[in-house]
Amino acid sequence: MEKAEYIEIKKQISFEKPLWITLLVVVADLGLLAVALKLLSVGGFLSFILSQIILAVFYFHNFGLLHEAGHGNIHKKTWVNTLLGHYFSIFCFMPYYSWKYIHQEHHVWTGNIDKDPTMAKIKEFREKKSIPLIHSFFWKSWIPLAAFSQQYVFFAYPIIIWKSGKMTPKIFMQSSFSVFFIISVYVTLAYLFPDTVNFSNFVLSYVLYMALSELVNLPHHVQMPNFHTSPERSKLHPWEQHITTRSCDYGFLSSILALNFNYHIEHHFFPNLPWYRLKKLRSIIKPKLGREYIELKGIAWNIKNRAISAKDVLLPEVSHPLLYNKMD
């Protein structure tokens, strides 16, 4: 896609961010939480399993809304996004500012294997030309090690940023606050409601949520073209994001379950476009890109690639001729 086409598309979409849409989702999600807690109180195996599935969906919704807040897509005022972002962080187990800063880097350096923080582990594997046995085991077994590891990084981010030399007082204070906030909330809830807020009631739902996160997130960039920093190229233009990004289609579940997070090409084209406008953007971008629009159906990518070795999926580098053009 050319820059002029990108600008023309931008004129066709609305970036308005009415707060009531998010609040409706919040109310609906609190209803899900109430149902899950009721099922937990009922007892019995079937009620427990249903509660865990509902909770996993509830967590993933809150991740989607935290993602929106981090991009400033909940409301035009920053403080509203920050306030709600911290609320969502409680229910998706991600310290708000830590996640936000890492995710911002991802968008700046998408496709750059040297600088995109979400590609750090893949870069390490490629440099060593091997994948540790434990990672290979978790890959084939579908156990969401990558998602668990990512959670650790978010909580350890203040220390990581300190050691990296990139620390500024603002980033350190904000990310430390988010970590302290979320841990304080968990400790308080466990103290006030010990019979409900305990490990046994939520561990399975958390594992299901981690598995769902990997299921949705991995196909967006893994096995797509990427590049190393060079004099010719260090980052992509906004209108080039489809080169290193895929979208996924889950039918009606795209909106209900994933809050359109799976329309990932669209999101990378316009990160500040609210989730409920991505479907319209998809109807514009998809025909314009034609064969360059890479879309996966359902969980077919996961089924296919989990059946083969992790090294065959993660180690091969994929290039694209446009990635070696000089920057404008």
Protein backbone atom coordinates (compact mmCIF):
# COMPACT_ATOMS: atom_id res chain seq x y z
CA MET A 1 0.00 0.00 0.00
CA GLU A 2 1.19 3.51 -0.78
CA LYS A 3 1.21 6.44 1.63
CA ALA A 4 -1.47 8.29 -0.35
CA GLU A 5 -3.84 5.30 -0.11
CA TYR A 6 -3.22 5.08 3.63
CA ILE A 7 -4.10 8.75 4.09
CA GLU A 8 -7.24 8.32 2.01
CA ILE A 9 -8.36 5.37 4.14
CA LYS A 10 -7.77 7.39 7.29
CA LYS A 11 -10.27 9.96 6.04
CA GLN A 12 -12.96 7.28 5.73
CA ILE A 13 -12.98 6.14 9.35
CA SER A 14 -14.03 7.76 12.61
CA PHE A 15 -11.69 7.97 15.58
CA GLU A 16 -14.41 9.08 18.00
CA LYS A 17 -14.25 7.28 21.35
CA PRO A 18 -17.63 7.35 23.13
CA LEU A 19 -17.10 6.11 26.68
CA TRP A 20 -20.52 4.47 26.95
CA ILE A 21 -19.50 1.62 24.63
CA THR A 22 -16.68 0.58 26.95
CA LEU A 23 -18.90 0.98 30.00
CA LEU A 24 -21.48 -1.35 28.45
CA VAL A 25 -18.79 -4.01 28.02
CA VAL A 26 -17.65 -3.45 31.60
CA VAL A 27 -21.20 -3.98 32.89
CA ALA A 28 -21.63 -7.11 30.76
CA ASP A 29 -18.29 -8.45 32.03
CA LEU A 30 -19.25 -7.81 35.64
CA GLY A 31 -22.34 -9.90 34.88
CA LEU A 32 -20.04 -12.70 33.69
CA LEU A 33 -18.01 -12.38 36.88
CA ALA A 34 -21.17 -12.57 38.99
CA VAL A 35 -22.28 -15.73 37.19
CA ALA A 36 -18.83 -17.31 37.64
CA LEU A 37 -18.75 -16.51 41.35
CA LYS A 38 -22.26 -17.90 41.76
CA LEU A 39 -21.22 -21.13 40.08
CA LEU A 40 -18.21 -21.36 42.38
CA SER A 41 -20.49 -21.00 45.40
CA VAL A 42 -22.82 -23.74 44.13
CA GLY A 43 -20.08 -26.32 44.11
CA GLY A 44 -19.87 -29.50 42.07
CA PHE A 45 -17.59 -30.45 39.19
CA LEU A 46 -19.71 -29.14 36.31
CA SER A 47 -20.38 -25.80 38.03
CA PHE A 48 -16.67 -25.43 38.74
CA ILE A 49 -15.65 -26.13 35.12
CA LEU A 50 -18.25 -23.67 33.78
CA SER A 51 -17.04 -21.03 36.23
CA GLN A 52 -13.45 -21.46 35.03
CA ILE A 53 -14.41 -21.11 31.36
CA ILE A 54 -16.47 -18.00 32.08
CA LEU A 55 -13.65 -16.50 34.15
CA ALA A 56 -11.11 -17.14 31.36
CA VAL A 57 -13.36 -15.22 28.94
CA PHE A 58 -13.77 -12.47 31.56
CA TYR A 59 -9.99 -12.17 31.93
CA PHE A 60 -9.45 -12.04 28.17
CA HIS A 61 -12.09 -9.32 27.79
CA ASN A 62 -10.30 -7.27 30.40
CA PHE A 63 -7.03 -7.79 28.55
CA GLY A 64 -8.71 -6.48 25.40
CA LEU A 65 -9.99 -3.42 27.28
CA LEU A 66 -6.60 -2.82 28.92
CA HIS A 67 -5.15 -2.95 25.42
CA GLU A 68 -7.64 -0.27 24.35
CA ALA A 69 -6.82 1.91 27.35
CA GLY A 70 -3.09 1.59 26.68
CA HIS A 71 -3.64 2.99 23.19
CA GLY A 72 -5.85 5.78 24.50
CA ASN A 73 -8.88 4.30 22.76
CA ILE A 74 -11.32 4.35 25.68
CA HIS A 75 -11.68 8.12 25.90
CA LYS A 76 -9.99 11.24 24.57
CA LYS A 77 -8.78 12.17 28.07
CA THR A 78 -5.60 10.40 29.18
CA TRP A 79 -6.60 10.19 32.84
CA VAL A 80 -9.76 8.24 31.93
CA ASN A 81 -7.70 5.68 30.01
CA THR A 82 -5.19 5.45 32.85
CA LEU A 83 -7.87 5.02 35.53
CA LEU A 84 -9.79 2.35 33.61
CA GLY A 85 -6.55 0.73 32.48
CA HIS A 86 -5.60 0.08 36.09
CA TYR A 87 -9.07 -1.29 36.77
CA PHE A 88 -8.78 -3.71 33.82
CA SER A 89 -5.27 -4.68 34.92
CA ILE A 90 -6.73 -6.28 38.07
CA PHE A 91 -8.70 -8.78 36.03
CA CYS A 92 -6.14 -9.60 33.35
CA PHE A 93 -3.12 -9.83 35.69
CA MET A 94 -1.03 -7.28 33.79
CA PRO A 95 0.42 -4.17 35.49
CA TYR A 96 -0.91 -1.34 33.35
CA TYR A 97 2.13 0.86 32.76
CA SER A 98 4.54 -2.06 32.41
CA TRP A 99 2.33 -3.57 29.72
CA LYS A 100 1.80 -0.18 28.04
CA TYR A 101 5.49 0.65 27.68
CA ILE A 102 6.40 -2.78 26.33
CA HIS A 103 3.46 -2.71 23.92
CA GLN A 104 4.38 0.76 22.67
CA GLU A 105 7.84 -0.55 21.78
CA HIS A 106 6.23 -3.44 19.93
CA HIS A 107 4.28 -1.05 17.72
CA VAL A 108 7.28 1.17 17.06
CA TRP A 109 9.55 -1.75 16.12
CA THR A 110 7.10 -4.27 14.64
CA GLY A 111 9.01 -6.75 12.49
CA ASN A 112 12.43 -5.60 13.71
CA ILE A 113 13.90 -8.74 15.25
CA ASP A 114 16.56 -6.66 17.03
CA LYS A 115 14.27 -4.13 18.71
CA ASP A 116 10.76 -5.51 19.00
CA PRO A 117 10.56 -6.73 22.65
CA THR A 118 8.01 -9.40 21.74
CA MET A 119 10.60 -10.97 19.42
CA ALA A 120 13.39 -11.09 22.01
CA LYS A 121 13.05 -14.80 22.80
CA ILE A 122 12.86 -15.77 19.11
CA LYS A 123 15.98 -13.70 18.43
CA GLU A 124 17.77 -15.53 21.25
CA PHE A 125 16.76 -18.92 19.83
CA ARG A 126 17.96 -17.94 16.36
CA GLU A 127 21.31 -16.70 17.60
CA LYS A 128 21.86 -19.99 19.44
CA LYS A 129 20.40 -21.93 16.48
CA SER A 130 18.51 -24.15 18.88
CA ILE A 131 15.53 -24.23 21.18
CA PRO A 132 15.83 -25.58 24.74
CA LEU A 133 14.14 -28.92 25.30
CA ILE A 134 11.72 -27.47 27.85
CA HIS A 135 10.45 -24.90 25.33
CA SER A 136 10.03 -27.59 22.70
CA PHE A 137 8.06 -29.72 25.16
CA PHE A 138 5.72 -26.89 26.12
CA TRP A 139 5.24 -25.99 22.47
CA LYS A 140 4.11 -29.47 21.45
CA SER A 141 2.03 -29.94 24.61
CA TRP A 142 0.14 -26.64 24.16
CA ILE A 143 1.10 -25.60 27.69
CA PRO A 144 1.26 -21.76 27.46
CA LEU A 145 4.83 -21.21 28.63
CA ALA A 146 5.23 -18.10 26.44
CA ALA A 147 2.19 -16.47 28.01
CA PHE A 148 3.35 -17.32 31.55
CA SER A 149 6.81 -15.92 30.77
CA GLN A 150 5.28 -12.74 29.41
CA GLN A 151 3.35 -12.24 32.64
CA TYR A 152 6.60 -12.49 34.58
CA VAL A 153 8.19 -9.83 32.35
CA PHE A 154 5.35 -7.39 33.01
CA PHE A 155 5.74 -7.69 36.78
CA ALA A 156 9.54 -7.56 36.62
CA TYR A 157 9.54 -4.62 34.20
CA PRO A 158 10.72 -1.95 36.70
CA ILE A 159 13.79 -4.07 37.42
CA ILE A 160 14.29 -4.97 33.76
CA ILE A 161 14.14 -1.33 32.65
CA TRP A 162 16.51 -0.36 35.47
CA LYS A 163 19.10 -2.93 34.38
CA SER A 164 18.72 -2.09 30.68
CA GLY A 165 19.89 1.48 31.11
CA LYS A 166 16.69 2.81 29.51
CA MET A 167 15.19 3.79 32.82
CA THR A 168 13.81 7.29 33.32
CA PRO A 169 12.28 8.45 36.62
CA LYS A 170 8.83 8.68 35.00
CA ILE A 171 8.87 5.19 33.50
CA PHE A 172 10.28 3.64 36.66
CA MET A 173 7.79 5.35 38.98
CA GLN A 174 4.78 4.64 36.79
CA SER A 175 5.60 0.98 36.15
CA SER A 176 6.49 0.44 39.83
CA PHE A 177 3.18 1.98 40.85
CA SER A 178 1.24 -0.33 38.52
CA VAL A 179 2.99 -3.39 39.92
CA PHE A 180 2.44 -2.24 43.52
CA PHE A 181 -1.20 -1.38 42.78
CA ILE A 182 -2.14 -4.72 41.31
CA ILE A 183 -0.38 -6.76 44.01
CA SER A 184 -1.97 -4.61 46.74
CA VAL A 185 -5.43 -5.24 45.30
CA TYR A 186 -4.87 -9.01 45.22
CA VAL A 187 -3.60 -9.08 48.80
CA THR A 188 -6.53 -6.95 49.99
CA LEU A 189 -9.13 -9.09 48.20
CA ALA A 190 -7.59 -12.30 49.55
CA TYR A 191 -7.65 -10.85 53.06
CA LEU A 192 -11.27 -9.64 52.84
CA PHE A 193 -12.70 -12.64 50.99
CA PRO A 194 -10.48 -15.63 51.86
CA ASP A 195 -13.14 -18.23 51.04
CA THR A 196 -13.58 -16.89 47.50
CA VAL A 197 -10.27 -15.33 46.50
CA ASN A 198 -7.94 -18.28 46.77
CA PHE A 199 -5.67 -20.34 44.56
CA SER A 200 -7.99 -23.31 44.07
CA ASN A 201 -10.89 -21.19 42.81
CA PHE A 202 -8.95 -19.42 40.09
CA VAL A 203 -5.86 -21.37 39.02
CA LEU A 204 -7.58 -23.36 36.26
CA SER A 205 -9.26 -20.26 34.81
CA TYR A 206 -5.90 -18.50 34.81
CA VAL A 207 -4.27 -21.36 32.89
CA LEU A 208 -7.17 -21.36 30.40
CA TYR A 209 -6.73 -17.60 29.99
CA MET A 210 -3.02 -18.00 29.33
CA ALA A 211 -3.77 -20.70 26.74
CA LEU A 212 -6.36 -18.45 25.10
CA SER A 213 -3.85 -15.58 25.03
CA GLU A 214 -1.30 -17.71 23.18
CA LEU A 215 -3.96 -19.08 20.86
CA VAL A 216 -4.96 -15.59 19.77
CA ASN A 217 -1.64 -13.75 19.94
CA LEU A 218 0.93 -16.09 18.39
CA PRO A 219 -0.46 -16.21 14.82
CA HIS A 220 -0.33 -12.42 14.47
CA HIS A 221 3.43 -12.21 13.89
CA VAL A 222 5.08 -15.62 14.21
CA GLN A 223 6.34 -16.98 10.83
CA MET A 224 5.77 -13.58 9.22
CA PRO A 225 8.61 -11.67 7.52
CA ASN A 226 10.97 -9.76 9.79
CA PHE A 227 14.24 -7.89 9.44
CA HIS A 228 17.37 -6.76 11.23
CA THR A 229 18.27 -3.15 11.85
CA SER A 230 20.32 -1.83 8.95
CA PRO A 231 21.16 1.49 7.24
CA GLU A 232 18.28 0.77 4.86
CA ARG A 233 15.62 -0.12 7.38
CA SER A 234 14.97 0.18 11.11
CA LYS A 235 11.18 0.40 11.28
CA LEU A 236 8.09 0.07 9.13
CA HIS A 237 5.88 2.87 7.92
CA PRO A 238 2.27 2.70 9.17
CA TRP A 239 1.09 1.66 5.68
CA GLU A 240 3.58 -1.24 5.60
CA GLN A 241 2.37 -3.02 8.73
CA HIS A 242 0.70 -5.83 6.76
CA ILE A 243 4.13 -7.07 5.69
CA THR A 244 4.87 -8.48 9.14
CA THR A 245 1.37 -8.89 10.58
CA ARG A 246 -1.56 -11.26 10.05
CA SER A 247 -5.22 -10.93 10.90
CA CYS A 248 -7.38 -13.82 12.09
CA ASP A 249 -11.08 -14.42 11.57
CA TYR A 250 -13.12 -16.14 14.27
CA GLY A 251 -16.53 -15.30 12.80
CA PHE A 252 -19.00 -13.92 15.34
CA LEU A 253 -16.53 -14.70 18.13
CA SER A 254 -14.22 -11.98 16.80
CA SER A 255 -16.30 -9.30 18.47
CA ILE A 256 -17.87 -11.29 21.30
CA LEU A 257 -14.77 -13.07 22.56
CA ALA A 258 -11.72 -11.22 21.20
CA LEU A 259 -13.13 -7.67 20.97
CA ASN A 260 -11.77 -7.61 17.41
CA PHE A 261 -8.18 -7.81 18.72
CA ASN A 262 -7.72 -10.52 16.08
CA TYR A 263 -8.09 -7.95 13.28
CA HIS A 264 -4.43 -7.31 13.79
CA ILE A 265 -3.41 -5.85 10.45
CA GLU A 266 -6.11 -3.26 10.93
CA HIS A 267 -4.96 -2.55 14.47
CA HIS A 268 -1.35 -2.07 13.37
CA PHE A 269 -2.41 0.27 10.57
CA PHE A 270 -4.28 2.48 13.04
CA PRO A 271 -3.42 1.62 16.69
CA ASN A 272 -5.51 4.55 17.94
CA LEU A 273 -8.71 3.25 16.32
CA PRO A 274 -11.16 1.78 18.89
CA TRP A 275 -11.85 -1.95 18.65
CA TYR A 276 -15.50 -1.53 17.60
CA ARG A 277 -14.38 0.33 14.44
CA LEU A 278 -11.84 -2.26 13.27
CA LYS A 279 -14.43 -4.34 11.43
CA LYS A 280 -15.32 -1.41 9.18
CA LEU A 281 -11.64 -0.73 8.59
CA ARG A 282 -11.22 -4.39 7.62
CA SER A 283 -13.89 -4.03 4.94
CA ILE A 284 -11.85 -1.17 3.44
CA ILE A 285 -8.31 -2.51 3.82
CA LYS A 286 -8.84 -6.14 2.84
CA PRO A 287 -9.95 -5.51 -0.79
CA LYS A 288 -7.30 -2.82 -1.24
CA LEU A 289 -4.46 -5.10 -0.15
CA GLY A 290 -5.79 -8.11 -2.08
CA ARG A 291 -3.30 -10.98 -1.87
CA GLU A 292 -1.11 -8.96 0.47
CA TYR A 293 -3.79 -9.21 3.15
CA ILE A 294 -2.87 -12.35 5.09
CA GLU A 295 -5.74 -13.78 7.12
CA LEU A 296 -6.09 -17.01 9.05
CA LYS A 297 -9.35 -18.80 9.78
CA GLY A 298 -10.09 -19.94 13.32
CA ILE A 299 -7.31 -21.79 15.13
CA ALA A 300 -6.01 -23.64 12.06
CA TRP A 301 -2.54 -22.06 12.39
CA ASN A 302 -2.19 -23.27 15.97
CA ILE A 303 -3.36 -26.79 15.14
CA LYS A 304 -0.96 -27.08 12.21
CA ASN A 305 2.11 -25.60 13.89
CA ARG A 306 1.76 -27.15 17.33
CA ALA A 307 1.94 -30.53 15.60
CA ILE A 308 5.47 -29.80 14.34
CA SER A 309 8.63 -28.93 16.23
CA ALA A 310 9.13 -25.46 17.67
CA LYS A 311 12.44 -25.09 15.83
CA ASP A 312 10.71 -25.56 12.48
CA VAL A 313 8.26 -22.81 13.37
CA LEU A 314 10.43 -20.30 15.22
CA LEU A 315 13.97 -20.60 13.86
CA PRO A 316 13.56 -20.05 10.10
CA GLU A 317 13.81 -16.40 9.07
CA VAL A 318 11.24 -15.12 6.61
CA SER A 319 12.13 -12.16 4.41
CA HIS A 320 10.15 -9.85 2.16
CA PRO A 321 11.61 -7.71 -0.66
CA LEU A 322 9.93 -4.53 0.55
CA LEU A 323 11.74 -4.78 3.86
CA TYR A 324 15.02 -3.95 2.15
CA ASN A 325 13.88 -0.77 0.46
CA LYS A 326 15.40 2.41 1.77
CA MET A 327 13.41 4.46 4.23
CA ASP A 328 11.73 7.63 3.00
